[in-house]
Amino acid sequence: MTAITNHPADATKRRMRLWGLALRRRIRGDAGMSTSEYAVGTLAACAFAAILYKVVTSGGVVTALTQLITKALDVQF
């Protein structure tokens, strides 16, 4: 079993790590997306939604989902 120590070096390491994290946050500078990035992100999300809609409404997937739901509802308790 290891003993918990309150060694000064441990506290210094902890302070340095927290200081480093705070410094990296300040240096990063860019806090969010710009308007063009929102536009590209929205376009990508719409394209993904369209592809997903086509896949989910395809014949094979509709048949598989229908069979799965029918099988789940027909379970005898």
Protein backbone atom coordinates (compact mmCIF):
# COMPACT_ATOMS: atom_id res chain seq x y z
CA MET A 1 0.00 0.00 0.00
CA THR A 2 1.40 3.40 -0.91
CA ALA A 3 1.42 6.24 1.55
CA ILE A 4 -0.01 9.59 0.54
CA THR A 5 2.64 12.24 1.02
CA ASN A 6 2.35 15.97 0.83
CA HIS A 7 5.79 16.52 -0.62
CA PRO A 8 6.67 20.09 -1.74
CA ALA A 9 7.90 18.75 -5.11
CA ASP A 10 4.45 17.24 -5.78
CA ALA A 11 2.78 20.58 -5.11
CA THR A 12 5.27 22.33 -7.39
CA LYS A 13 4.63 19.85 -10.20
CA ARG A 14 0.88 20.35 -9.80
CA ARG A 15 1.23 24.17 -9.91
CA MET A 16 3.47 23.98 -12.99
CA ARG A 17 1.00 21.71 -14.79
CA LEU A 18 -1.90 24.07 -14.03
CA TRP A 19 0.18 27.08 -15.09
CA GLY A 20 1.04 25.34 -18.37
CA LEU A 21 -2.61 24.57 -19.08
CA ALA A 22 -3.63 28.17 -18.43
CA LEU A 23 -0.82 29.48 -20.64
CA ARG A 24 -1.81 27.19 -23.53
CA ARG A 25 -5.41 28.40 -23.31
CA ARG A 26 -4.28 32.04 -23.54
CA ILE A 27 -1.86 31.43 -26.40
CA ARG A 28 -4.40 29.56 -28.52
CA GLY A 29 -6.22 32.82 -29.21
CA ASP A 30 -9.04 31.56 -31.43
CA ALA A 31 -12.01 30.99 -29.16
CA GLY A 32 -14.49 29.79 -31.77
CA MET A 33 -15.44 29.38 -35.39
CA SER A 34 -15.76 32.21 -37.85
CA THR A 35 -18.80 32.72 -40.08
CA SER A 36 -17.21 30.86 -43.00
CA GLU A 37 -16.41 27.91 -40.75
CA TYR A 38 -20.04 27.83 -39.57
CA ALA A 39 -21.17 27.86 -43.21
CA VAL A 40 -18.88 24.97 -44.16
CA GLY A 41 -19.89 23.04 -41.04
CA THR A 42 -23.58 23.56 -41.78
CA LEU A 43 -23.11 22.48 -45.39
CA ALA A 44 -21.25 19.34 -44.30
CA ALA A 45 -23.98 18.51 -41.76
CA CYS A 46 -26.69 18.92 -44.42
CA ALA A 47 -24.78 16.73 -46.86
CA PHE A 48 -24.33 14.05 -44.21
CA ALA A 49 -28.04 14.23 -43.32
CA ALA A 50 -29.01 13.83 -46.99
CA ILE A 51 -26.77 10.78 -47.41
CA LEU A 52 -28.05 9.26 -44.17
CA TYR A 53 -31.65 9.85 -45.28
CA LYS A 54 -30.99 8.10 -48.60
CA VAL A 55 -29.40 5.13 -46.84
CA VAL A 56 -32.12 4.78 -44.21
CA THR A 57 -34.95 5.05 -46.74
CA SER A 58 -33.39 2.53 -49.15
CA GLY A 59 -35.34 -0.69 -49.67
CA GLY A 60 -32.97 -3.02 -47.86
CA VAL A 61 -32.68 -0.90 -44.75
CA VAL A 62 -36.44 -0.27 -44.56
CA THR A 63 -37.08 -4.02 -44.86
CA ALA A 64 -34.47 -4.84 -42.18
CA LEU A 65 -35.84 -2.21 -39.78
CA THR A 66 -39.41 -3.36 -40.36
CA GLN A 67 -38.44 -6.98 -39.65
CA LEU A 68 -36.51 -5.95 -36.54
CA ILE A 69 -39.42 -3.92 -35.14
CA THR A 70 -41.94 -6.65 -35.99
CA LYS A 71 -39.76 -9.27 -34.29
CA ALA A 72 -39.39 -7.05 -31.18
CA LEU A 73 -43.14 -6.43 -30.94
CA ASP A 74 -44.01 -10.12 -31.40
CA VAL A 75 -41.97 -11.27 -28.37
CA GLN A 76 -44.06 -13.33 -25.95
CA PHE A 77 -43.69 -12.42 -22.27
